[in-house]
């Protein structure tokens, strides 16, 4: 018996391929390939064969047992797991709005927190491909009054800039005056600060995870594109990929916020809007599990960037700290014993929200977990990974996939 989720997945794939095929057959100049008779029956047989080959039904049952334990530990959010373009498992649990008892559903939108950095990285690389940005130029080449020398876009993308943390340096100013700074405000504060915040270490000296890097990158996207960060993301990423449920926190207010948009909680206490919420690039994207599946598929199919740019993004760049966890450009990397990338992922935490998107391009699977109630079980995915590998254990994988 098919699960309803898998049946819908199969049905949607068949409808899409039939539509494409009919469009091809309507062309006046048909190629020999399009003249061949399309047989949807064979397609369905192939999809069913894939299910059997990859044991999707067995995997679904095992994953469900693992997720039940997460729910028992207080997990509140959405989970989607897919392989070979088929959704194996998805589940919603808990509430998007505890006070009004609005349940989470498949269209619930969660703050992705640092998982948002993956979108910033791709936006920057798109502009690099167009010649509007250069990885080897420094921030001062674009913002001449920026007070720090030698910080290239490469060092920002790989968290090797040595910049001070904006959320610490300007916290007193922000909270005392109840300011909600933008990315351009942060750039102005760096330029006009007196005294200038002390740089933490020399650029490219070593890896140090820092939200300032991606806040600056978002400001650069705005400056060279002539658009707000939200406008750029919609025009060049969200809209082309039909990520219709994905938005930026700066687009949310009392009139635009729908019941689909979740609130973040610590226990039953709702976390109110933070003074730094409007700083984008390092966080700020709201999305759904289904839109993130589209994001994974776009990355996998090289729809948003060239193969060369994706290779740059997925290249490990921090080896001064021994270990299997590494960082590329806006993506975390899990290496094997030979220091080669096995898995690509990013986690997130911000004001009650936890998130993870974890994928394996070789086995073609993705794990997406979004939570709006602080719960560290979000990062406990080792058992799920082993299920997707048909029970094979990874000697290098830790129980928790935590931020570096």
Protein backbone atom coordinates (compact mmCIF):
# COMPACT_ATOMS: atom_id res chain seq x y z
CA UNK A 1 0.00 0.00 0.00
CA UNK A 2 1.25 3.49 -0.87
CA UNK A 3 1.23 6.09 1.88
CA UNK A 4 -0.86 9.14 0.92
CA UNK A 5 2.29 11.31 0.88
CA UNK A 6 4.14 9.03 -1.52
CA UNK A 7 1.06 8.65 -3.72
CA UNK A 8 0.74 12.42 -4.03
CA UNK A 9 4.44 12.68 -4.82
CA UNK A 10 4.15 10.07 -7.58
CA UNK A 11 1.01 11.71 -8.96
CA UNK A 12 2.57 15.16 -9.12
CA UNK A 13 5.65 13.82 -10.92
CA UNK A 14 3.52 12.00 -13.51
CA UNK A 15 1.37 15.10 -14.16
CA UNK A 16 4.47 17.26 -14.61
CA UNK A 17 6.15 14.88 -17.04
CA UNK A 18 2.95 14.39 -19.05
CA UNK A 19 2.58 18.18 -19.32
CA UNK A 20 6.17 18.63 -20.50
CA UNK A 21 5.81 15.84 -23.03
CA UNK A 22 2.62 17.29 -24.51
CA UNK A 23 4.38 20.63 -24.86
CA UNK A 24 7.27 19.00 -26.69
CA UNK A 25 4.94 17.15 -29.07
CA UNK A 26 3.17 20.42 -29.97
CA UNK A 27 6.33 21.95 -31.41
CA UNK A 28 6.31 22.33 -35.20
CA UNK A 29 9.85 21.05 -35.57
CA UNK A 30 9.94 17.83 -33.64
CA UNK A 31 13.16 16.00 -33.06
CA UNK A 32 13.44 12.25 -33.34
CA UNK A 33 13.45 12.07 -29.56
CA UNK A 34 10.13 13.88 -29.15
CA UNK A 35 8.51 11.77 -31.87
CA UNK A 36 8.79 8.72 -29.70
CA UNK A 37 5.55 7.76 -28.06
CA UNK A 38 5.37 8.83 -24.42
CA UNK A 39 4.26 6.04 -22.12
CA UNK A 40 3.17 7.25 -18.66
CA UNK A 41 2.63 3.63 -17.63
CA UNK A 42 6.38 3.00 -17.92
CA UNK A 43 7.08 6.12 -15.88
CA UNK A 44 4.82 4.91 -13.07
CA UNK A 45 6.48 1.51 -13.21
CA UNK A 46 9.89 3.18 -12.85
CA UNK A 47 8.77 5.25 -9.87
CA UNK A 48 7.37 2.16 -8.20
CA UNK A 49 10.59 0.29 -8.94
CA UNK A 50 12.57 3.12 -7.30
CA UNK A 51 10.39 2.82 -4.22
CA UNK A 52 11.16 -0.87 -4.01
CA UNK A 53 14.87 -0.47 -4.81
CA UNK A 54 15.38 2.13 -2.10
CA UNK A 55 13.00 0.52 0.42
CA UNK A 56 10.99 3.71 0.82
CA UNK A 57 8.10 2.11 2.71
CA UNK A 58 10.45 0.39 5.16
CA UNK A 59 12.42 3.63 5.62
CA UNK A 60 9.21 5.57 6.24
CA UNK A 61 8.18 3.25 9.06
CA UNK A 62 11.59 3.39 10.73
CA UNK A 63 11.77 7.18 10.43
CA UNK A 64 8.30 7.53 11.90
CA UNK A 65 9.44 5.67 15.03
CA UNK A 66 12.44 8.02 15.36
CA UNK A 67 10.26 11.11 14.92
CA UNK A 68 7.78 9.85 17.52
CA UNK A 69 10.63 9.97 20.05
CA UNK A 70 11.36 13.58 19.05
CA UNK A 71 7.73 14.49 19.55
CA UNK A 72 7.75 12.79 22.95
CA UNK A 73 10.73 15.00 23.89
CA UNK A 74 8.77 18.14 23.01
CA UNK A 75 9.48 18.69 19.30
CA UNK A 76 7.15 21.35 17.87
CA UNK A 77 7.49 21.88 14.12
CA UNK A 78 7.66 20.25 10.71
CA UNK A 79 9.80 17.47 9.25
CA UNK A 80 10.22 16.45 5.61
CA UNK A 81 12.56 13.76 4.32
CA UNK A 82 12.95 12.97 0.62
CA UNK A 83 15.11 10.75 -1.56
CA UNK A 84 15.32 10.42 -5.33
CA UNK A 85 12.72 13.20 -5.69
CA UNK A 86 10.16 11.28 -3.66
CA UNK A 87 8.93 12.39 -0.25
CA UNK A 88 9.50 9.46 2.06
CA UNK A 89 8.20 11.07 5.23
CA UNK A 90 6.65 14.31 6.38
CA UNK A 91 4.93 15.34 9.58
CA UNK A 92 3.69 18.46 11.34
CA UNK A 93 3.41 18.64 15.10
CA UNK A 94 2.45 21.22 17.69
CA UNK A 95 1.39 24.82 17.18
CA UNK A 96 2.49 27.74 15.05
CA UNK A 97 0.67 30.01 17.49
CA UNK A 98 0.32 28.54 20.97
CA UNK A 99 -1.90 31.32 22.32
CA UNK A 100 -4.50 30.85 19.56
CA UNK A 101 -3.89 27.09 19.33
CA UNK A 102 -3.19 27.30 15.58
CA UNK A 103 -1.60 23.97 14.60
CA UNK A 104 1.48 23.64 12.43
CA UNK A 105 0.72 22.38 8.93
CA UNK A 106 2.57 21.74 5.69
CA UNK A 107 2.31 25.45 4.77
CA UNK A 108 3.63 26.73 8.11
CA UNK A 109 6.51 29.18 7.63
CA UNK A 110 9.45 29.07 10.03
CA UNK A 111 12.32 31.48 10.62
CA UNK A 112 15.30 29.59 9.18
CA UNK A 113 17.82 31.48 11.31
CA UNK A 114 21.37 30.68 10.11
CA UNK A 115 20.08 28.28 7.48
CA UNK A 116 19.31 31.58 5.69
CA UNK A 117 23.05 31.89 5.01
CA UNK A 118 22.76 29.32 2.21
CA UNK A 119 20.59 31.75 0.24
CA UNK A 120 22.98 34.64 0.85
CA UNK A 121 25.89 32.57 -0.40
CA UNK A 122 24.07 31.68 -3.62
CA UNK A 123 23.00 35.31 -4.17
CA UNK A 124 26.62 36.46 -3.84
CA UNK A 125 27.85 33.76 -6.24
CA UNK A 126 25.17 34.70 -8.77
CA UNK A 127 26.50 38.25 -8.76
CA UNK A 128 30.05 36.92 -9.05
CA UNK A 129 29.01 34.96 -12.15
CA UNK A 130 27.57 38.18 -13.61
CA UNK A 131 30.78 40.11 -12.87
CA UNK A 132 29.11 42.46 -10.40
CA UNK A 133 31.05 41.12 -7.43
CA UNK A 134 34.50 39.59 -7.14
CA UNK A 135 35.57 37.06 -4.54
CA UNK A 136 39.07 38.54 -4.49
CA UNK A 137 38.06 42.16 -3.93
CA UNK A 138 37.75 43.52 -0.40
CA UNK A 139 34.82 45.14 1.38
CA UNK A 140 36.68 48.48 1.13
CA UNK A 141 36.58 48.20 -2.67
CA UNK A 142 32.80 48.53 -2.42
CA UNK A 143 32.55 50.58 0.80
CA UNK A 144 35.65 52.86 0.82
CA UNK A 145 34.94 54.07 4.38
CA UNK A 146 34.79 50.56 5.80
CA UNK A 147 37.47 50.63 8.51
CA UNK A 148 39.08 47.21 8.03
CA UNK A 149 41.70 46.31 5.42
CA UNK A 150 42.15 43.08 3.51
CA UNK A 151 38.75 41.45 4.12
CA UNK A 152 37.81 39.75 0.85
CA UNK A 153 34.45 38.29 -0.09
CA UNK A 154 36.09 34.86 0.13
CA UNK A 155 36.94 35.45 3.78
CA UNK A 156 33.41 36.63 4.52
CA UNK A 157 31.78 33.61 2.86
CA UNK A 158 34.03 31.15 4.71
CA UNK A 159 33.91 32.92 8.12
CA UNK A 160 37.59 33.82 8.02
CA UNK A 161 37.31 37.62 8.09
CA UNK A 162 38.19 38.32 11.73
CA UNK A 163 35.44 40.97 11.93
CA UNK A 164 33.95 41.93 15.29
CA UNK A 165 30.41 40.68 15.97
CA UNK A 166 27.95 43.44 15.09
CA UNK A 167 25.33 42.18 17.57
CA UNK A 168 27.79 42.60 20.46
CA UNK A 169 29.53 45.79 19.39
CA UNK A 170 26.37 47.81 18.80
CA UNK A 171 24.08 46.19 21.36
CA UNK A 172 24.07 49.08 23.83
CA UNK A 173 23.28 51.62 21.10
CA UNK A 174 20.52 49.42 19.66
CA UNK A 175 18.71 48.48 22.85
CA UNK A 176 19.08 51.81 24.63
CA UNK A 177 17.59 53.72 21.69
CA UNK A 178 15.21 50.89 20.67
CA UNK A 179 16.59 50.81 17.13
CA UNK A 180 15.88 48.18 14.48
CA UNK A 181 18.93 48.55 12.22
CA UNK A 182 19.11 47.44 8.59
CA UNK A 183 22.18 46.02 6.89
CA UNK A 184 23.08 49.45 5.53
CA UNK A 185 22.77 50.85 9.08
CA UNK A 186 25.28 48.25 10.27
CA UNK A 187 27.68 49.26 7.49
CA UNK A 188 27.28 52.93 8.45
CA UNK A 189 27.90 52.13 12.10
CA UNK A 190 31.13 50.33 11.24
CA UNK A 191 32.21 53.29 9.09
CA UNK A 192 31.44 55.97 11.68
CA UNK A 193 32.12 54.16 14.98
CA UNK A 194 34.36 56.01 17.40
CA UNK A 195 36.34 54.21 18.54
CA UNK A 196 36.35 51.61 15.79
CA UNK A 197 35.47 48.15 17.17
CA UNK A 198 38.63 46.08 17.52
CA UNK A 199 39.08 43.41 14.85
CA UNK A 200 39.20 39.93 16.40
CA UNK A 201 42.03 38.43 14.31
CA UNK A 202 43.85 38.88 11.02
CA UNK A 203 41.77 38.17 7.90
CA UNK A 204 42.11 34.56 6.70
CA UNK A 205 44.01 33.60 9.84
CA UNK A 206 41.49 31.00 11.00
CA UNK A 207 37.82 30.02 10.95
CA UNK A 208 35.52 31.84 13.35
CA UNK A 209 31.77 31.66 12.83
CA UNK A 210 30.42 35.21 12.81
CA UNK A 211 27.06 36.67 11.74
CA UNK A 212 28.78 39.93 10.76
CA UNK A 213 30.21 38.20 7.69
CA UNK A 214 26.82 37.48 6.15
CA UNK A 215 25.26 40.76 7.24
CA UNK A 216 28.03 42.50 5.27
CA UNK A 217 27.50 40.17 2.30
CA UNK A 218 23.78 41.03 2.21
CA UNK A 219 24.68 44.72 2.23
CA UNK A 220 27.01 44.10 -0.73
CA UNK A 221 24.19 42.33 -2.62
CA UNK A 222 22.00 45.39 -2.07
CA UNK A 223 24.67 47.84 -3.14
CA UNK A 224 25.71 46.21 -6.42
CA UNK A 225 22.22 45.03 -7.45
CA UNK A 226 20.47 48.31 -6.65
CA UNK A 227 17.70 46.33 -4.95
CA UNK A 228 16.73 45.60 -1.40
CA UNK A 229 17.87 42.19 -0.23
CA UNK A 230 14.24 41.02 -0.21
CA UNK A 231 13.68 42.24 -3.78
CA UNK A 232 16.82 40.51 -5.00
CA UNK A 233 15.95 37.21 -3.33
CA UNK A 234 12.45 37.15 -4.77
CA UNK A 235 13.48 38.10 -8.30
CA UNK A 236 16.52 35.85 -8.61
CA UNK A 237 15.85 32.90 -6.30
CA UNK A 238 12.42 32.54 -4.70
CA UNK A 239 10.23 33.40 -7.70
CA UNK A 240 12.20 31.45 -10.37
CA UNK A 241 12.12 28.37 -8.11
CA UNK A 242 8.41 28.88 -7.32
CA UNK A 243 9.16 29.10 -3.61
CA UNK A 244 5.85 30.86 -3.10
CA UNK A 245 5.78 30.40 0.68
CA UNK A 246 9.24 31.89 1.26
CA UNK A 247 9.68 35.46 2.42
CA UNK A 248 11.94 37.77 4.45
CA UNK A 249 11.20 38.89 7.99
CA UNK A 250 11.28 42.52 6.82
CA UNK A 251 8.19 41.79 4.69
CA UNK A 252 6.18 40.67 7.72
CA UNK A 253 3.98 43.03 9.70
CA UNK A 254 0.53 43.01 11.23
CA UNK A 255 -1.15 43.38 7.83
CA UNK A 256 0.97 40.84 5.92
CA UNK A 257 1.42 38.21 8.64
CA UNK A 258 -0.93 35.29 8.02
CA UNK A 259 -1.81 32.33 10.19
CA UNK A 260 0.82 30.35 8.24
CA UNK A 261 3.65 32.40 9.76
CA UNK A 262 4.82 30.83 13.00
CA UNK A 263 5.98 32.48 16.20
CA UNK A 264 9.10 31.41 18.09
CA UNK A 265 8.85 30.07 21.64
CA UNK A 266 10.98 29.11 24.61
CA UNK A 267 8.64 26.67 26.29
CA UNK A 268 5.28 28.45 26.22
CA UNK A 269 6.84 31.94 26.27
CA UNK A 270 6.62 33.70 22.93
CA UNK A 271 9.81 35.47 21.84
CA UNK A 272 8.97 39.00 20.76
CA UNK A 273 10.57 40.80 17.80
CA UNK A 274 14.27 41.30 18.42
CA UNK A 275 16.07 44.56 17.72
CA UNK A 276 18.34 42.75 15.25
CA UNK A 277 15.57 40.93 13.36
CA UNK A 278 15.78 43.31 10.39
CA UNK A 279 19.45 42.59 9.75
CA UNK A 280 19.40 40.06 6.92
CA UNK A 281 21.83 37.70 5.25
CA UNK A 282 22.86 35.94 8.43
CA UNK A 283 19.21 35.04 9.18
CA UNK A 284 15.74 36.38 8.36
CA UNK A 285 14.34 33.96 5.75
CA UNK A 286 10.97 32.40 6.56
CA UNK A 287 10.14 29.25 4.63
CA UNK A 288 8.37 25.88 4.63
CA UNK A 289 9.65 22.33 4.38
CA UNK A 290 8.21 22.01 0.86
CA UNK A 291 9.88 25.20 -0.35
CA UNK A 292 13.18 23.99 1.10
CA UNK A 293 12.75 20.75 -0.83
CA UNK A 294 12.58 22.94 -3.95
CA UNK A 295 15.74 24.67 -2.74
CA UNK A 296 17.56 21.36 -2.41
CA UNK A 297 16.38 20.24 -5.85
CA UNK A 298 17.57 23.52 -7.37
CA UNK A 299 21.01 23.12 -5.80
CA UNK A 300 21.19 19.49 -6.89
CA UNK A 301 20.20 20.24 -10.48
CA UNK A 302 22.52 23.29 -10.76
CA UNK A 303 19.49 25.46 -11.49
CA UNK A 304 20.66 28.49 -9.53
CA UNK A 305 24.42 28.37 -10.13
CA UNK A 306 26.91 26.76 -12.48
CA UNK A 307 28.66 23.55 -11.53
CA UNK A 308 31.89 25.53 -11.06
CA UNK A 309 30.29 27.94 -8.59
CA UNK A 310 28.69 25.12 -6.63
CA UNK A 311 32.07 23.40 -6.46
CA UNK A 312 33.47 26.61 -4.94
CA UNK A 313 30.65 26.70 -2.39
CA UNK A 314 31.13 23.07 -1.34
CA UNK A 315 34.93 23.19 -1.04
CA UNK A 316 36.19 22.86 2.58
CA UNK A 317 38.21 25.92 3.60
CA UNK A 318 39.08 25.54 7.27
CA UNK A 319 41.65 22.90 8.18
CA UNK A 320 43.50 24.58 11.07
CA UNK A 321 41.07 22.96 13.51
CA UNK A 322 41.34 19.14 13.27
CA UNK A 323 38.05 17.34 12.78
CA UNK A 324 35.40 16.19 10.38
CA UNK A 325 33.25 19.34 10.40
CA UNK A 326 34.23 22.08 8.01
CA UNK A 327 32.83 25.10 6.19
CA UNK A 328 32.63 26.14 2.54
CA UNK A 329 30.84 29.28 1.36
CA UNK A 330 27.64 29.55 3.41
CA UNK A 331 27.31 25.77 3.75
CA UNK A 332 28.58 23.51 6.51
CA UNK A 333 30.38 20.38 5.38
CA UNK A 334 30.79 16.99 7.03
CA UNK A 335 34.00 15.29 5.89
CA UNK A 336 35.01 11.65 5.88
CA UNK A 337 38.29 10.23 7.18
CA UNK A 338 39.98 11.24 3.91
CA UNK A 339 38.88 14.86 4.45
CA UNK A 340 36.48 14.69 1.53
CA UNK A 341 32.92 16.02 1.77
CA UNK A 342 30.29 13.41 2.58
CA UNK A 343 27.40 15.66 3.59
CA UNK A 344 26.35 19.28 3.06
CA UNK A 345 24.14 21.09 5.53
CA UNK A 346 23.40 24.11 7.66
CA UNK A 347 21.79 24.52 11.03
CA UNK A 348 20.04 27.49 12.56
CA UNK A 349 19.02 28.93 15.90
CA UNK A 350 17.34 32.27 16.55
CA UNK A 351 14.86 33.35 19.21
CA UNK A 352 13.07 30.05 19.77
CA UNK A 353 13.60 28.68 16.26
CA UNK A 354 15.76 25.66 15.40
CA UNK A 355 16.38 24.45 11.86
CA UNK A 356 18.48 22.04 9.85
CA UNK A 357 18.73 21.15 6.18
CA UNK A 358 21.08 18.20 5.66
CA UNK A 359 21.71 16.49 2.32
CA UNK A 360 23.79 13.87 0.56
CA UNK A 361 24.21 14.44 -3.18
CA UNK A 362 25.52 10.91 -3.78
CA UNK A 363 22.56 9.10 -2.24
CA UNK A 364 20.27 11.99 -3.24
CA UNK A 365 18.47 12.51 0.04
CA UNK A 366 17.59 15.56 2.09
CA UNK A 367 16.49 15.94 5.71
CA UNK A 368 14.60 19.15 6.55
CA UNK A 369 13.57 19.86 10.13
CA UNK A 370 12.06 23.19 11.19
CA UNK A 371 10.99 24.01 14.74
CA UNK A 372 9.48 27.11 16.34
CA UNK A 373 9.93 25.93 19.92
CA UNK A 374 13.48 25.56 21.20
CA UNK A 375 14.32 21.84 21.15
CA UNK A 376 17.79 20.39 20.60
CA UNK A 377 16.41 17.11 19.26
CA UNK A 378 16.17 18.95 15.92
CA UNK A 379 19.88 18.30 15.51
CA UNK A 380 19.74 14.62 16.49
CA UNK A 381 19.57 13.07 13.03
CA UNK A 382 22.19 10.33 13.09
CA UNK A 383 19.54 7.60 13.27
CA UNK A 384 17.67 9.10 10.31
CA UNK A 385 20.86 9.23 8.24
CA UNK A 386 21.51 5.56 8.96
CA UNK A 387 17.98 4.69 7.86
CA UNK A 388 18.48 6.55 4.58
CA UNK A 389 21.71 4.59 4.12
CA UNK A 390 19.75 1.34 4.57
CA UNK A 391 20.99 0.79 8.10
CA UNK A 392 24.69 1.33 7.42
CA UNK A 393 26.32 3.16 10.30
CA UNK A 394 28.71 6.03 9.76
CA UNK A 395 31.76 5.83 11.98
CA UNK A 396 32.34 9.56 11.54
CA UNK A 397 28.84 10.83 12.29
CA UNK A 398 28.17 12.25 15.75
CA UNK A 399 24.83 11.98 17.52
CA UNK A 400 24.18 15.73 17.35
CA UNK A 401 24.78 17.92 14.31
CA UNK A 402 25.55 21.13 16.17
CA UNK A 403 26.87 24.50 15.06
CA UNK A 404 30.65 24.85 15.07
